């Protein structure tokens, strides 16, 4: 997924792409950890479904 994010970031310079390791950022309790990467998309501070 990292390569895809890098390509998208180059194609969309006005969109902010962030990569975090939930366990290192002490956010793992906020997300389901099933070993699969997740792509969460927010607009105006709200998570899009």
PDB file of N, CA and C in Angstrom:
ATOM      1  N   UNK A   1       0.810  -1.179   0.000  1.00  0.00           N
ATOM      2  CA  UNK A   1       0.000   0.000   0.000  1.00  0.00           C
ATOM      3  C   UNK A   1       0.864   1.259   0.000  1.00  0.00           C
ATOM      4  N   UNK A   2       2.065   1.182   0.558  1.00  0.00           N
ATOM      5  CA  UNK A   2       2.931   2.361   0.618  1.00  0.00           C
ATOM      6  C   UNK A   2       3.214   2.926  -0.762  1.00  0.00           C
ATOM      7  N   UNK A   3       3.486   2.058  -1.732  1.00  0.00           N
ATOM      8  CA  UNK A   3       3.764   2.538  -3.086  1.00  0.00           C
ATOM      9  C   UNK A   3       2.555   3.242  -3.672  1.00  0.00           C
ATOM     10  N   UNK A   4       1.375   2.711  -3.441  1.00  0.00           N
ATOM     11  CA  UNK A   4       0.143   3.338  -3.946  1.00  0.00           C
ATOM     12  C   UNK A   4      -0.055   4.719  -3.336  1.00  0.00           C
ATOM     13  N   UNK A   5       0.192   4.830  -2.048  1.00  0.00           N
ATOM     14  CA  UNK A   5       0.042   6.122  -1.364  1.00  0.00           C
ATOM     15  C   UNK A   5       1.033   7.137  -1.933  1.00  0.00           C
ATOM     16  N   UNK A   6       2.254   6.711  -2.180  1.00  0.00           N
ATOM     17  CA  UNK A   6       3.257   7.615  -2.735  1.00  0.00           C
ATOM     18  C   UNK A   6       2.856   8.096  -4.124  1.00  0.00           C
ATOM     19  N   UNK A   7       2.337   7.211  -4.946  1.00  0.00           N
ATOM     20  CA  UNK A   7       1.889   7.586  -6.291  1.00  0.00           C
ATOM     21  C   UNK A   7       0.721   8.562  -6.203  1.00  0.00           C
ATOM     22  N   UNK A   8      -0.248   8.258  -5.347  1.00  0.00           N
ATOM     23  CA  UNK A   8      -1.392   9.156  -5.183  1.00  0.00           C
ATOM     24  C   UNK A   8      -0.959  10.528  -4.675  1.00  0.00           C
ATOM     25  N   UNK A   9      -0.023  10.561  -3.742  1.00  0.00           N
ATOM     26  CA  UNK A   9       0.458  11.830  -3.200  1.00  0.00           C
ATOM     27  C   UNK A   9       1.109  12.678  -4.284  1.00  0.00           C
ATOM     28  N   UNK A  10       1.809  12.056  -5.212  1.00  0.00           N
ATOM     29  CA  UNK A  10       2.413  12.793  -6.323  1.00  0.00           C
ATOM     30  C   UNK A  10       1.347  13.330  -7.270  1.00  0.00           C
ATOM     31  N   UNK A  11       0.300  12.557  -7.505  1.00  0.00           N
ATOM     32  CA  UNK A  11      -0.754  12.951  -8.439  1.00  0.00           C
ATOM     33  C   UNK A  11      -1.707  13.987  -7.846  1.00  0.00           C
ATOM     34  N   UNK A  12      -1.820  14.027  -6.530  1.00  0.00           N
ATOM     35  CA  UNK A  12      -2.745  14.933  -5.851  1.00  0.00           C
ATOM     36  C   UNK A  12      -1.996  15.741  -4.791  1.00  0.00           C
ATOM     37  N   UNK A  13      -1.219  16.738  -5.220  1.00  0.00           N
ATOM     38  CA  UNK A  13      -0.377  17.471  -4.268  1.00  0.00           C
ATOM     39  C   UNK A  13      -1.155  18.305  -3.246  1.00  0.00           C
ATOM     40  N   UNK A  14      -2.420  18.583  -3.496  1.00  0.00           N
ATOM     41  CA  UNK A  14      -3.200  19.402  -2.563  1.00  0.00           C
ATOM     42  C   UNK A  14      -3.991  18.564  -1.564  1.00  0.00           C
ATOM     43  N   UNK A  15      -3.795  17.255  -1.600  1.00  0.00           N
ATOM     44  CA  UNK A  15      -4.417  16.355  -0.637  1.00  0.00           C
ATOM     45  C   UNK A  15      -3.333  15.863   0.314  1.00  0.00           C
ATOM     46  N   UNK A  16      -3.645  15.850   1.596  1.00  0.00           N
ATOM     47  CA  UNK A  16      -2.674  15.418   2.602  1.00  0.00           C
ATOM     48  C   UNK A  16      -2.806  13.917   2.828  1.00  0.00           C
ATOM     49  N   UNK A  17      -1.740  13.190   2.587  1.00  0.00           N
ATOM     50  CA  UNK A  17      -1.682  11.748   2.828  1.00  0.00           C
ATOM     51  C   UNK A  17      -0.793  11.522   4.048  1.00  0.00           C
ATOM     52  N   UNK A  18      -1.272  10.743   4.990  1.00  0.00           N
ATOM     53  CA  UNK A  18      -0.514  10.460   6.211  1.00  0.00           C
ATOM     54  C   UNK A  18      -0.423   8.961   6.408  1.00  0.00           C
ATOM     55  N   UNK A  19       0.702   8.532   6.897  1.00  0.00           N
ATOM     56  CA  UNK A  19       0.918   7.114   7.186  1.00  0.00           C
ATOM     57  C   UNK A  19       1.290   7.017   8.664  1.00  0.00           C
ATOM     58  N   UNK A  20       0.550   6.201   9.399  1.00  0.00           N
ATOM     59  CA  UNK A  20       0.875   6.023  10.816  1.00  0.00           C
ATOM     60  C   UNK A  20       0.892   4.543  11.153  1.00  0.00           C
ATOM     61  N   UNK A  21       1.673   4.218  12.138  1.00  0.00           N
ATOM     62  CA  UNK A  21       1.675   2.884  12.727  1.00  0.00           C
ATOM     63  C   UNK A  21       0.840   3.013  13.994  1.00  0.00           C
ATOM     64  N   UNK A  22      -0.385   2.486  13.970  1.00  0.00           N
ATOM     65  CA  UNK A  22      -1.335   2.701  15.065  1.00  0.00           C
ATOM     66  C   UNK A  22      -0.765   2.294  16.419  1.00  0.00           C
ATOM     67  N   UNK A  23      -0.042   1.190  16.464  1.00  0.00           N
ATOM     68  CA  UNK A  23       0.487   0.728  17.754  1.00  0.00           C
ATOM     69  C   UNK A  23       1.554   1.676  18.292  1.00  0.00           C
ATOM     70  N   UNK A  24       2.364   2.261  17.424  1.00  0.00           N
ATOM     71  CA  UNK A  24       3.402   3.183  17.866  1.00  0.00           C
ATOM     72  C   UNK A  24       2.819   4.523  18.277  1.00  0.00           C
ATOM     73  N   UNK A  25       1.737   4.926  17.638  1.00  0.00           N
ATOM     74  CA  UNK A  25       1.111   6.208  17.953  1.00  0.00           C
ATOM     75  C   UNK A  25       0.098   6.081  19.088  1.00  0.00           C
ATOM     76  N   UNK A  26       0.045   4.925  19.721  1.00  0.00           N
ATOM     77  CA  UNK A  26      -0.886   4.617  20.803  1.00  0.00           C
ATOM     78  C   UNK A  26      -2.331   4.855  20.370  1.00  0.00           C
ATOM     79  N   UNK A  27      -2.625   4.492  19.115  1.00  0.00           N
ATOM     80  CA  UNK A  27      -3.971   4.634  18.572  1.00  0.00           C
ATOM     81  C   UNK A  27      -4.622   3.295  18.318  1.00  0.00           C
ATOM     82  N   UNK A  28      -3.940   2.206  18.661  1.00  0.00           N
ATOM     83  CA  UNK A  28      -4.452   0.883  18.316  1.00  0.00           C
ATOM     84  C   UNK A  28      -5.808   0.600  18.955  1.00  0.00           C
ATOM     85  N   UNK A  29      -6.120   1.233  20.072  1.00  0.00           N
ATOM     86  CA  UNK A  29      -7.429   1.023  20.700  1.00  0.00           C
ATOM     87  C   UNK A  29      -8.554   1.665  19.890  1.00  0.00           C
ATOM     88  N   UNK A  30      -8.211   2.595  18.975  1.00  0.00           N
ATOM     89  CA  UNK A  30      -9.221   3.257  18.142  1.00  0.00           C
ATOM     90  C   UNK A  30      -9.540   2.478  16.876  1.00  0.00           C
ATOM     91  N   UNK A  31      -8.690   1.545  16.501  1.00  0.00           N
ATOM     92  CA  UNK A  31      -8.840   0.841  15.239  1.00  0.00           C
ATOM     93  C   UNK A  31      -8.806  -0.666  15.464  1.00  0.00           C
ATOM     94  N   UNK A  32      -9.494  -1.377  14.612  1.00  0.00           N
ATOM     95  CA  UNK A  32      -9.452  -2.837  14.658  1.00  0.00           C
ATOM     96  C   UNK A  32      -8.121  -3.276  14.073  1.00  0.00           C
ATOM     97  N   UNK A  33      -7.367  -4.045  14.804  1.00  0.00           N
ATOM     98  CA  UNK A  33      -6.092  -4.535  14.304  1.00  0.00           C
ATOM     99  C   UNK A  33      -6.272  -5.971  13.842  1.00  0.00           C
ATOM    100  N   UNK A  34      -6.392  -6.136  12.529  1.00  0.00           N
ATOM    101  CA  UNK A  34      -6.556  -7.480  11.987  1.00  0.00           C
ATOM    102  C   UNK A  34      -5.403  -7.845  11.062  1.00  0.00           C
ATOM    103  N   UNK A  35      -4.327  -7.061  11.101  1.00  0.00           N
ATOM    104  CA  UNK A  35      -3.172  -7.365  10.284  1.00  0.00           C
ATOM    105  C   UNK A  35      -3.261  -6.854   8.861  1.00  0.00           C
ATOM    106  N   UNK A  36      -4.363  -6.217   8.505  1.00  0.00           N
ATOM    107  CA  UNK A  36      -4.537  -5.678   7.152  1.00  0.00           C
ATOM    108  C   UNK A  36      -4.383  -4.167   7.191  1.00  0.00           C
ATOM    109  N   UNK A  37      -3.707  -3.597   6.201  1.00  0.00           N
ATOM    110  CA  UNK A  37      -3.635  -2.135   6.133  1.00  0.00           C
ATOM    111  C   UNK A  37      -5.030  -1.551   5.911  1.00  0.00           C
ATOM    112  N   UNK A  38      -5.218  -0.350   6.367  1.00  0.00           N
ATOM    113  CA  UNK A  38      -6.499   0.330   6.182  1.00  0.00           C
ATOM    114  C   UNK A  38      -6.246   1.700   5.576  1.00  0.00           C
ATOM    115  N   UNK A  39      -7.136   2.121   4.723  1.00  0.00           N
ATOM    116  CA  UNK A  39      -7.094   3.454   4.140  1.00  0.00           C
ATOM    117  C   UNK A  39      -8.346   4.169   4.613  1.00  0.00           C
ATOM    118  N   UNK A  40      -8.156   5.182   5.454  1.00  0.00           N
ATOM    119  CA  UNK A  40      -9.271   5.958   5.993  1.00  0.00           C
ATOM    120  C   UNK A  40      -9.277   7.309   5.300  1.00  0.00           C
ATOM    121  N   UNK A  41     -10.427   7.736   4.834  1.00  0.00           N
ATOM    122  CA  UNK A  41     -10.537   8.987   4.090  1.00  0.00           C
ATOM    123  C   UNK A  41     -11.427   9.940   4.878  1.00  0.00           C
ATOM    124  N   UNK A  42     -10.891  11.133   5.129  1.00  0.00           N
ATOM    125  CA  UNK A  42     -11.606  12.161   5.876  1.00  0.00           C
ATOM    126  C   UNK A  42     -11.850  13.362   4.974  1.00  0.00           C
ATOM    127  N   UNK A  43     -12.972  14.028   5.191  1.00  0.00           N
ATOM    128  CA  UNK A  43     -13.268  15.301   4.522  1.00  0.00           C
ATOM    129  C   UNK A  43     -13.868  16.216   5.578  1.00  0.00           C
ATOM    130  N   UNK A  44     -13.253  17.376   5.746  1.00  0.00           N
ATOM    131  CA  UNK A  44     -13.743  18.313   6.744  1.00  0.00           C
ATOM    132  C   UNK A  44     -13.715  17.762   8.150  1.00  0.00           C
ATOM    133  N   UNK A  45     -12.763  16.893   8.429  1.00  0.00           N
ATOM    134  CA  UNK A  45     -12.627  16.304   9.750  1.00  0.00           C
ATOM    135  C   UNK A  45     -13.542  15.126  10.020  1.00  0.00           C
ATOM    136  N   UNK A  46     -14.369  14.762   9.048  1.00  0.00           N
ATOM    137  CA  UNK A  46     -15.299  13.645   9.209  1.00  0.00           C
ATOM    138  C   UNK A  46     -14.836  12.450   8.387  1.00  0.00           C
ATOM    139  N   UNK A  47     -14.894  11.274   8.982  1.00  0.00           N
ATOM    140  CA  UNK A  47     -14.539  10.041   8.288  1.00  0.00           C
ATOM    141  C   UNK A  47     -15.621   9.709   7.271  1.00  0.00           C
ATOM    142  N   UNK A  48     -15.233   9.555   6.009  1.00  0.00           N
ATOM    143  CA  UNK A  48     -16.187   9.163   4.974  1.00  0.00           C
ATOM    144  C   UNK A  48     -16.379   7.663   5.028  1.00  0.00           C
ATOM    145  N   UNK A  49     -17.586   7.216   4.803  1.00  0.00           N
ATOM    146  CA  UNK A  49     -17.848   5.771   4.867  1.00  0.00           C
ATOM    147  C   UNK A  49     -17.647   5.118   3.520  1.00  0.00           C
TER     148      UNK A  49
END
